[in-house]
N, C-alpha and C. Protein backbone atom coordinates (compact mmCIF):
# COMPACT_ATOMS: atom_id res chain seq x y z
N MET A 1 138.58 81.93 80.56
CA MET A 1 137.62 81.78 81.62
C MET A 1 136.33 81.22 81.04
N THR A 2 135.71 80.26 81.67
CA THR A 2 134.50 79.63 81.15
C THR A 2 133.29 80.48 81.50
N ASP A 3 132.18 80.20 80.81
CA ASP A 3 130.95 80.93 81.08
C ASP A 3 130.45 80.65 82.50
N ALA A 4 130.66 79.43 82.99
CA ALA A 4 130.23 79.09 84.35
C ALA A 4 131.01 79.90 85.37
N ALA A 5 132.27 80.13 85.11
CA ALA A 5 133.10 80.90 86.04
C ALA A 5 132.69 82.37 86.03
N ARG A 6 132.19 82.87 84.86
CA ARG A 6 131.80 84.28 84.77
C ARG A 6 130.35 84.52 85.16
N SER A 7 129.58 83.48 85.37
CA SER A 7 128.18 83.62 85.71
C SER A 7 128.02 84.35 87.04
N PRO A 8 127.12 85.33 87.12
CA PRO A 8 126.93 86.06 88.36
C PRO A 8 126.48 85.17 89.51
N ARG A 9 125.77 84.08 89.21
CA ARG A 9 125.32 83.21 90.28
C ARG A 9 126.46 82.43 90.91
N SER A 10 127.37 81.96 90.08
CA SER A 10 128.45 81.13 90.61
C SER A 10 129.60 81.96 91.15
N ASN A 11 129.76 83.18 90.66
CA ASN A 11 130.86 84.01 91.07
C ASN A 11 130.36 85.44 91.32
N PRO A 12 129.65 85.68 92.46
CA PRO A 12 129.10 87.02 92.68
C PRO A 12 130.19 88.05 92.86
N PRO A 13 129.95 89.28 92.44
CA PRO A 13 130.96 90.33 92.59
C PRO A 13 131.22 90.62 94.06
N ALA A 14 132.45 91.01 94.35
CA ALA A 14 132.86 91.27 95.73
C ALA A 14 132.20 92.54 96.26
N THR A 15 132.04 93.55 95.41
CA THR A 15 131.40 94.80 95.83
C THR A 15 130.32 95.16 94.83
N THR A 16 129.46 96.10 95.20
CA THR A 16 128.39 96.52 94.29
C THR A 16 128.93 97.41 93.17
N ASN A 17 130.12 97.98 93.33
CA ASN A 17 130.70 98.83 92.29
C ASN A 17 131.34 98.02 91.18
N GLN A 18 131.61 96.78 91.43
CA GLN A 18 132.24 95.93 90.44
C GLN A 18 131.17 95.36 89.51
N PRO A 19 131.29 95.59 88.20
CA PRO A 19 130.25 95.13 87.29
C PRO A 19 130.25 93.61 87.16
N PRO A 20 129.05 93.01 87.02
CA PRO A 20 129.00 91.58 86.77
C PRO A 20 129.57 91.29 85.38
N ALA A 21 130.10 90.12 85.20
CA ALA A 21 130.74 89.76 83.94
C ALA A 21 129.74 89.09 83.02
N ARG A 22 129.27 89.84 82.02
CA ARG A 22 128.40 89.29 80.99
C ARG A 22 128.62 90.13 79.75
N ASP A 23 128.71 89.50 78.61
CA ASP A 23 129.08 90.22 77.40
C ASP A 23 127.89 90.81 76.64
N THR A 24 126.76 90.15 76.63
CA THR A 24 125.63 90.65 75.85
C THR A 24 124.34 90.59 76.66
N TYR A 25 123.43 91.47 76.30
CA TYR A 25 122.10 91.53 76.92
C TYR A 25 121.08 91.73 75.82
N ASP A 26 119.93 91.10 75.96
CA ASP A 26 118.88 91.34 74.98
C ASP A 26 118.17 92.66 75.30
N ARG A 27 117.28 93.07 74.42
CA ARG A 27 116.62 94.36 74.54
C ARG A 27 115.83 94.49 75.85
N ASP A 28 115.10 93.44 76.23
CA ASP A 28 114.31 93.49 77.47
C ASP A 28 115.21 93.62 78.69
N ALA A 29 116.32 92.91 78.68
CA ALA A 29 117.26 92.98 79.81
C ALA A 29 117.84 94.39 79.92
N VAL A 30 118.20 94.99 78.80
CA VAL A 30 118.75 96.35 78.81
C VAL A 30 117.72 97.32 79.38
N GLN A 31 116.47 97.19 78.94
CA GLN A 31 115.43 98.08 79.43
C GLN A 31 115.23 97.92 80.93
N GLU A 32 115.17 96.69 81.41
CA GLU A 32 114.99 96.45 82.84
C GLU A 32 116.16 96.97 83.66
N ILE A 33 117.38 96.72 83.18
CA ILE A 33 118.58 97.16 83.91
C ILE A 33 118.61 98.68 84.01
N LEU A 34 118.32 99.36 82.89
CA LEU A 34 118.31 100.82 82.91
C LEU A 34 117.21 101.37 83.81
N GLN A 35 116.04 100.75 83.79
CA GLN A 35 114.96 101.19 84.68
C GLN A 35 115.36 101.03 86.14
N LEU A 36 115.98 99.90 86.47
CA LEU A 36 116.43 99.67 87.85
C LEU A 36 117.51 100.67 88.25
N ALA A 37 118.43 100.95 87.33
CA ALA A 37 119.51 101.88 87.63
C ALA A 37 118.96 103.29 87.87
N ILE A 38 118.01 103.71 87.05
CA ILE A 38 117.42 105.04 87.22
C ILE A 38 116.60 105.08 88.51
N ALA A 39 115.89 104.01 88.82
CA ALA A 39 115.09 103.95 90.04
C ALA A 39 115.96 104.02 91.30
N ARG A 40 117.20 103.54 91.22
CA ARG A 40 118.10 103.56 92.38
C ARG A 40 118.58 104.95 92.72
N ARG A 41 118.48 105.87 91.78
CA ARG A 41 118.96 107.24 92.02
C ARG A 41 117.98 107.94 92.93
N ASN A 42 118.28 107.94 94.19
CA ASN A 42 117.40 108.56 95.19
C ASN A 42 117.49 110.07 95.18
N ASP A 43 118.58 110.61 94.65
CA ASP A 43 118.79 112.05 94.69
C ASP A 43 117.96 112.80 93.65
N VAL A 44 117.41 112.10 92.66
CA VAL A 44 116.66 112.76 91.60
C VAL A 44 115.22 112.26 91.60
N GLU A 45 114.28 113.18 91.81
CA GLU A 45 112.86 112.83 91.80
C GLU A 45 112.29 112.93 90.38
N SER A 46 112.75 113.91 89.63
CA SER A 46 112.26 114.06 88.26
C SER A 46 113.39 114.57 87.39
N TYR A 47 113.24 114.31 86.11
CA TYR A 47 114.25 114.72 85.13
C TYR A 47 113.64 115.77 84.22
N SER A 48 114.45 116.74 83.84
CA SER A 48 113.99 117.73 82.88
C SER A 48 114.03 117.11 81.48
N ARG A 49 113.38 117.77 80.55
CA ARG A 49 113.40 117.26 79.17
C ARG A 49 114.83 117.28 78.62
N GLY A 50 115.60 118.29 79.01
CA GLY A 50 117.00 118.35 78.58
C GLY A 50 117.80 117.16 79.11
N GLN A 51 117.55 116.80 80.38
CA GLN A 51 118.23 115.63 80.95
C GLN A 51 117.81 114.36 80.23
N LEU A 52 116.54 114.28 79.86
CA LEU A 52 116.07 113.12 79.10
C LEU A 52 116.80 113.03 77.76
N LEU A 53 116.96 114.15 77.09
CA LEU A 53 117.69 114.16 75.82
C LEU A 53 119.15 113.77 76.01
N GLU A 54 119.77 114.27 77.09
CA GLU A 54 121.17 113.92 77.37
C GLU A 54 121.32 112.42 77.63
N LEU A 55 120.41 111.87 78.42
CA LEU A 55 120.46 110.43 78.70
C LEU A 55 120.31 109.62 77.42
N ALA A 56 119.39 110.05 76.56
CA ALA A 56 119.19 109.35 75.30
C ALA A 56 120.44 109.43 74.43
N ASP A 57 121.08 110.59 74.41
CA ASP A 57 122.31 110.74 73.64
C ASP A 57 123.42 109.84 74.18
N GLU A 58 123.51 109.78 75.51
CA GLU A 58 124.55 108.96 76.13
C GLU A 58 124.39 107.48 75.82
N ILE A 59 123.14 107.02 75.75
CA ILE A 59 122.96 105.60 75.46
C ILE A 59 122.81 105.32 73.97
N GLY A 60 122.85 106.36 73.17
CA GLY A 60 122.83 106.16 71.72
C GLY A 60 121.45 105.98 71.13
N ILE A 61 120.44 106.57 71.76
CA ILE A 61 119.09 106.49 71.23
C ILE A 61 118.88 107.65 70.26
N ASP A 62 118.43 107.33 69.07
CA ASP A 62 118.19 108.32 68.04
C ASP A 62 117.10 109.29 68.49
N ARG A 63 117.25 110.57 68.17
CA ARG A 63 116.28 111.59 68.60
C ARG A 63 114.88 111.30 68.05
N ALA A 64 114.79 110.84 66.82
CA ALA A 64 113.48 110.53 66.24
C ALA A 64 112.80 109.41 67.02
N ASP A 65 113.56 108.39 67.41
CA ASP A 65 113.00 107.30 68.21
C ASP A 65 112.57 107.80 69.58
N LEU A 66 113.38 108.67 70.16
CA LEU A 66 113.05 109.23 71.47
C LEU A 66 111.79 110.08 71.38
N TYR A 67 111.66 110.92 70.36
CA TYR A 67 110.48 111.77 70.20
C TYR A 67 109.23 110.91 70.00
N ALA A 68 109.34 109.84 69.21
CA ALA A 68 108.20 108.95 68.98
C ALA A 68 107.79 108.26 70.28
N ALA A 69 108.78 107.80 71.06
CA ALA A 69 108.49 107.14 72.33
C ALA A 69 107.87 108.13 73.32
N GLU A 70 108.40 109.35 73.33
CA GLU A 70 107.87 110.38 74.22
C GLU A 70 106.42 110.70 73.86
N GLN A 71 106.14 110.83 72.57
CA GLN A 71 104.78 111.12 72.12
C GLN A 71 103.82 110.00 72.50
N ARG A 72 104.26 108.76 72.32
CA ARG A 72 103.43 107.61 72.69
C ARG A 72 103.16 107.60 74.19
N TRP A 73 104.18 107.88 74.98
CA TRP A 73 104.03 107.91 76.43
C TRP A 73 103.04 109.00 76.84
N LEU A 74 103.18 110.19 76.22
CA LEU A 74 102.27 111.29 76.53
C LEU A 74 100.82 110.96 76.18
N GLU A 75 100.63 110.29 75.05
CA GLU A 75 99.28 109.90 74.65
C GLU A 75 98.68 108.92 75.64
N GLN A 76 99.47 107.92 76.05
CA GLN A 76 98.97 106.92 76.98
C GLN A 76 98.67 107.51 78.35
N HIS A 77 99.58 108.30 78.87
CA HIS A 77 99.39 108.85 80.20
C HIS A 77 98.42 110.01 80.22
N GLY A 78 98.40 110.77 79.15
CA GLY A 78 97.44 111.88 79.05
C GLY A 78 96.03 111.36 79.00
N ASP A 79 95.78 110.29 78.24
CA ASP A 79 94.45 109.70 78.12
C ASP A 79 94.01 109.12 79.46
N ARG A 80 94.93 108.45 80.16
CA ARG A 80 94.60 107.87 81.46
C ARG A 80 94.23 108.97 82.45
N SER A 81 94.99 110.05 82.43
CA SER A 81 94.72 111.17 83.33
C SER A 81 93.38 111.81 82.99
N GLU A 82 93.09 111.96 81.70
CA GLU A 82 91.82 112.55 81.29
C GLU A 82 90.65 111.67 81.71
N ARG A 83 90.81 110.37 81.60
CA ARG A 83 89.74 109.46 82.02
C ARG A 83 89.49 109.58 83.53
N GLN A 84 90.56 109.72 84.29
CA GLN A 84 90.40 109.89 85.73
C GLN A 84 89.69 111.21 86.03
N GLN A 85 90.02 112.26 85.29
CA GLN A 85 89.34 113.55 85.46
C GLN A 85 87.86 113.43 85.10
N PHE A 86 87.59 112.69 84.01
CA PHE A 86 86.20 112.49 83.58
C PHE A 86 85.40 111.75 84.64
N ILE A 87 85.97 110.68 85.19
CA ILE A 87 85.27 109.91 86.23
C ILE A 87 85.02 110.79 87.45
N ALA A 88 86.01 111.59 87.82
CA ALA A 88 85.82 112.51 88.96
C ALA A 88 84.71 113.52 88.65
N ALA A 89 84.66 114.03 87.44
CA ALA A 89 83.61 114.98 87.05
C ALA A 89 82.24 114.31 87.07
N GLN A 90 82.18 113.04 86.62
CA GLN A 90 80.92 112.32 86.63
C GLN A 90 80.44 112.06 88.05
N ARG A 91 81.36 111.74 88.93
CA ARG A 91 81.00 111.53 90.34
C ARG A 91 80.50 112.82 90.97
N GLN A 92 81.15 113.93 90.64
CA GLN A 92 80.72 115.23 91.15
C GLN A 92 79.32 115.57 90.62
N ARG A 93 79.09 115.29 89.36
CA ARG A 93 77.77 115.52 88.76
C ARG A 93 76.72 114.66 89.45
N LEU A 94 77.07 113.41 89.75
CA LEU A 94 76.14 112.51 90.43
C LEU A 94 75.84 113.02 91.85
N LYS A 95 76.85 113.52 92.54
CA LYS A 95 76.62 114.08 93.89
C LYS A 95 75.66 115.26 93.84
N LEU A 96 75.86 116.14 92.85
CA LEU A 96 74.96 117.29 92.71
C LEU A 96 73.53 116.84 92.39
N THR A 97 73.41 115.84 91.52
CA THR A 97 72.10 115.32 91.17
C THR A 97 71.42 114.70 92.39
N LEU A 98 72.18 113.96 93.19
CA LEU A 98 71.60 113.36 94.39
C LEU A 98 71.21 114.43 95.41
N GLY A 99 71.96 115.50 95.48
CA GLY A 99 71.60 116.61 96.36
C GLY A 99 70.29 117.24 95.93
N LYS A 100 70.16 117.51 94.63
CA LYS A 100 68.90 118.06 94.11
C LYS A 100 67.75 117.09 94.36
N PHE A 101 68.00 115.81 94.13
CA PHE A 101 67.00 114.78 94.36
C PHE A 101 66.51 114.83 95.80
N GLY A 102 67.43 114.89 96.74
CA GLY A 102 67.06 114.92 98.16
C GLY A 102 66.26 116.15 98.53
N ILE A 103 66.70 117.31 98.04
CA ILE A 103 66.02 118.56 98.38
C ILE A 103 64.61 118.59 97.79
N VAL A 104 64.50 118.31 96.49
CA VAL A 104 63.20 118.38 95.83
C VAL A 104 62.25 117.33 96.41
N ASN A 105 62.71 116.09 96.57
CA ASN A 105 61.81 115.05 97.08
C ASN A 105 61.47 115.25 98.55
N GLY A 106 62.38 115.83 99.30
CA GLY A 106 62.05 116.17 100.69
C GLY A 106 60.95 117.20 100.75
N PHE A 107 61.05 118.19 99.89
CA PHE A 107 60.03 119.24 99.84
C PHE A 107 58.69 118.67 99.37
N LEU A 108 58.72 117.79 98.33
CA LEU A 108 57.49 117.18 97.83
C LEU A 108 56.86 116.27 98.89
N LEU A 109 57.68 115.56 99.64
CA LEU A 109 57.18 114.71 100.71
C LEU A 109 56.51 115.56 101.80
N LEU A 110 57.13 116.68 102.10
CA LEU A 110 56.55 117.59 103.10
C LEU A 110 55.19 118.11 102.63
N ILE A 111 55.08 118.50 101.37
CA ILE A 111 53.80 118.97 100.81
C ILE A 111 52.77 117.85 100.87
N ASP A 112 53.19 116.63 100.50
CA ASP A 112 52.29 115.48 100.52
C ASP A 112 51.80 115.18 101.93
N LEU A 113 52.68 115.27 102.90
CA LEU A 113 52.30 115.01 104.29
C LEU A 113 51.34 116.07 104.83
N VAL A 114 51.59 117.33 104.48
CA VAL A 114 50.73 118.42 104.93
C VAL A 114 49.35 118.30 104.27
N ALA A 115 49.33 117.95 102.98
CA ALA A 115 48.07 117.90 102.23
C ALA A 115 47.21 116.70 102.62
N SER A 116 47.82 115.52 102.74
CA SER A 116 46.99 114.34 102.97
C SER A 116 47.26 113.64 104.31
N GLY A 117 48.28 114.06 105.02
CA GLY A 117 48.57 113.45 106.31
C GLY A 117 49.43 112.20 106.23
N ARG A 118 49.68 111.72 105.04
CA ARG A 118 50.55 110.55 104.87
C ARG A 118 51.24 110.63 103.50
N PRO A 119 52.39 109.97 103.37
CA PRO A 119 53.06 110.01 102.05
C PRO A 119 52.27 109.18 101.04
N ASP A 120 52.03 109.77 99.90
CA ASP A 120 51.24 109.07 98.89
C ASP A 120 51.92 109.19 97.53
N TRP A 121 51.58 110.22 96.78
CA TRP A 121 52.13 110.41 95.44
C TRP A 121 53.59 110.78 95.44
N SER A 122 54.10 111.39 96.50
CA SER A 122 55.51 111.81 96.55
C SER A 122 56.46 110.62 96.54
N ILE A 123 56.03 109.50 97.12
CA ILE A 123 56.87 108.29 97.11
C ILE A 123 57.01 107.76 95.69
N THR A 124 55.91 107.77 94.93
CA THR A 124 55.95 107.30 93.54
C THR A 124 56.91 108.15 92.71
N LEU A 125 56.81 109.48 92.89
CA LEU A 125 57.72 110.38 92.16
C LEU A 125 59.18 110.13 92.55
N ALA A 126 59.43 109.97 93.84
CA ALA A 126 60.80 109.74 94.32
C ALA A 126 61.37 108.44 93.79
N LEU A 127 60.55 107.38 93.78
CA LEU A 127 61.03 106.09 93.27
C LEU A 127 61.33 106.16 91.77
N GLY A 128 60.45 106.83 91.02
CA GLY A 128 60.67 106.96 89.56
C GLY A 128 61.93 107.76 89.26
N TRP A 129 62.07 108.90 89.91
CA TRP A 129 63.25 109.75 89.69
C TRP A 129 64.51 109.03 90.17
N GLY A 130 64.42 108.36 91.30
CA GLY A 130 65.57 107.61 91.83
C GLY A 130 66.03 106.52 90.88
N MET A 131 65.06 105.83 90.24
CA MET A 131 65.41 104.80 89.27
C MET A 131 66.16 105.41 88.09
N LEU A 132 65.70 106.56 87.61
CA LEU A 132 66.37 107.22 86.49
C LEU A 132 67.80 107.64 86.87
N ILE A 133 67.97 108.14 88.07
CA ILE A 133 69.30 108.54 88.54
C ILE A 133 70.21 107.32 88.63
N ALA A 134 69.68 106.22 89.17
CA ALA A 134 70.49 104.99 89.30
C ALA A 134 70.91 104.46 87.93
N LEU A 135 70.00 104.47 86.97
CA LEU A 135 70.35 104.00 85.62
C LEU A 135 71.40 104.90 84.97
N ASP A 136 71.24 106.20 85.15
CA ASP A 136 72.21 107.15 84.60
C ASP A 136 73.59 106.95 85.24
N ALA A 137 73.61 106.76 86.56
CA ALA A 137 74.88 106.52 87.26
C ALA A 137 75.51 105.24 86.77
N TRP A 138 74.71 104.22 86.56
CA TRP A 138 75.23 102.93 86.09
C TRP A 138 75.89 103.09 84.72
N LYS A 139 75.25 103.85 83.85
CA LYS A 139 75.79 104.04 82.50
C LYS A 139 77.07 104.86 82.50
N CYS A 140 77.12 105.92 83.29
CA CYS A 140 78.25 106.85 83.18
C CYS A 140 79.44 106.44 84.05
N LEU A 141 79.29 105.49 84.94
CA LEU A 141 80.41 105.10 85.80
C LEU A 141 80.91 103.69 85.53
N GLN A 142 80.60 103.15 84.36
CA GLN A 142 81.07 101.81 83.97
C GLN A 142 82.09 101.93 82.84
N PRO A 143 83.40 102.09 83.18
CA PRO A 143 84.41 102.21 82.12
C PRO A 143 84.41 100.97 81.22
N GLY A 144 84.63 101.22 79.95
CA GLY A 144 84.69 100.13 78.99
C GLY A 144 83.39 99.90 78.25
N THR A 145 82.31 100.54 78.67
CA THR A 145 81.04 100.39 77.96
C THR A 145 80.94 101.45 76.87
N ASP A 146 80.05 101.19 75.90
CA ASP A 146 79.86 102.14 74.80
C ASP A 146 79.34 103.49 75.31
N GLU A 147 78.42 103.44 76.26
CA GLU A 147 77.86 104.68 76.81
C GLU A 147 78.94 105.51 77.51
N PHE A 148 79.79 104.83 78.25
CA PHE A 148 80.89 105.52 78.94
C PHE A 148 81.80 106.20 77.90
N GLU A 149 82.15 105.46 76.85
CA GLU A 149 83.03 106.02 75.81
C GLU A 149 82.39 107.20 75.11
N LYS A 150 81.09 107.11 74.81
CA LYS A 150 80.39 108.23 74.17
C LYS A 150 80.44 109.47 75.05
N ARG A 151 80.12 109.27 76.32
CA ARG A 151 80.12 110.41 77.24
C ARG A 151 81.53 110.97 77.44
N PHE A 152 82.51 110.07 77.50
CA PHE A 152 83.90 110.53 77.66
C PHE A 152 84.33 111.36 76.46
N GLN A 153 84.05 110.86 75.25
CA GLN A 153 84.43 111.59 74.04
C GLN A 153 83.71 112.94 73.97
N LYS A 154 82.45 112.99 74.35
CA LYS A 154 81.70 114.25 74.36
C LYS A 154 82.30 115.20 75.39
N TRP A 155 82.60 114.70 76.58
CA TRP A 155 83.21 115.52 77.63
C TRP A 155 84.57 116.05 77.18
N ARG A 156 85.36 115.19 76.55
CA ARG A 156 86.69 115.58 76.08
C ARG A 156 86.57 116.68 75.02
N PHE A 157 85.61 116.52 74.09
CA PHE A 157 85.40 117.52 73.04
C PHE A 157 84.99 118.85 73.65
N GLU A 158 84.04 118.80 74.60
CA GLU A 158 83.58 120.03 75.24
C GLU A 158 84.71 120.70 76.02
N LYS A 159 85.51 119.90 76.69
CA LYS A 159 86.64 120.43 77.47
C LYS A 159 87.66 121.08 76.54
N THR A 160 87.96 120.43 75.43
CA THR A 160 88.91 120.97 74.45
C THR A 160 88.38 122.25 73.85
N THR A 161 87.09 122.28 73.52
CA THR A 161 86.48 123.46 72.94
C THR A 161 86.53 124.62 73.92
N ILE A 162 86.21 124.36 75.18
CA ILE A 162 86.25 125.40 76.20
C ILE A 162 87.69 125.90 76.38
N ASP A 163 88.66 124.97 76.41
CA ASP A 163 90.06 125.36 76.57
C ASP A 163 90.53 126.21 75.39
N ASP A 164 90.05 125.89 74.19
CA ASP A 164 90.44 126.65 73.01
C ASP A 164 89.91 128.08 73.06
N TRP A 165 88.73 128.27 73.63
CA TRP A 165 88.15 129.61 73.73
C TRP A 165 88.76 130.43 74.84
N SER A 166 89.38 129.76 75.80
CA SER A 166 89.95 130.49 76.94
C SER A 166 91.20 131.25 76.58
C-alpha cells in the first residue's frame, strides 16, 4: 500500500473507532494527540496523582522525568496563582486606602467649610494625598516592573513567614 493510499486525507477512516494509518509521529504530534485524547474524556474532570502515575507508566514515561515535569508545572502554575493573589491583595489594599482617603478628606473638608465658609487648605491636602495614592497604585499594579517585582517578592516572603509560624 502506498503512502498516498494510507494518508488520512485521501482515505479517511470509516468510523471514529478505526485508527488512522500512520507509522510514526514526532514528539509534538504525540503530545498534541495525547492532550486531545485526554480532553475528549468527558467523564473525568480531574485525575488523582495515582492516575497520573498510571498513565505515565502506560505510555512509558520514566518516573524521574514525570517528577521533574510535575515539579516544573507546579512551579509555573503556583507562581501564576501567587501573582494573582498578590494583585488581588494589592487591589484590596488600594480600596482600603481610598476609603481612608475619602473619610479623612471628607472630614477635613467639613472642618474647612465650617471654619472659613469655603474649601481652602483641605483641597490642597486632598490633591497632594491623592497624587501619592495614584503614584503608589501605578507602581504596585504594573506587572513586569521592578517595583512590582520587589513588592511581590516582599509579599511572598511575608506570606511564607506567616505560614511557617502558623
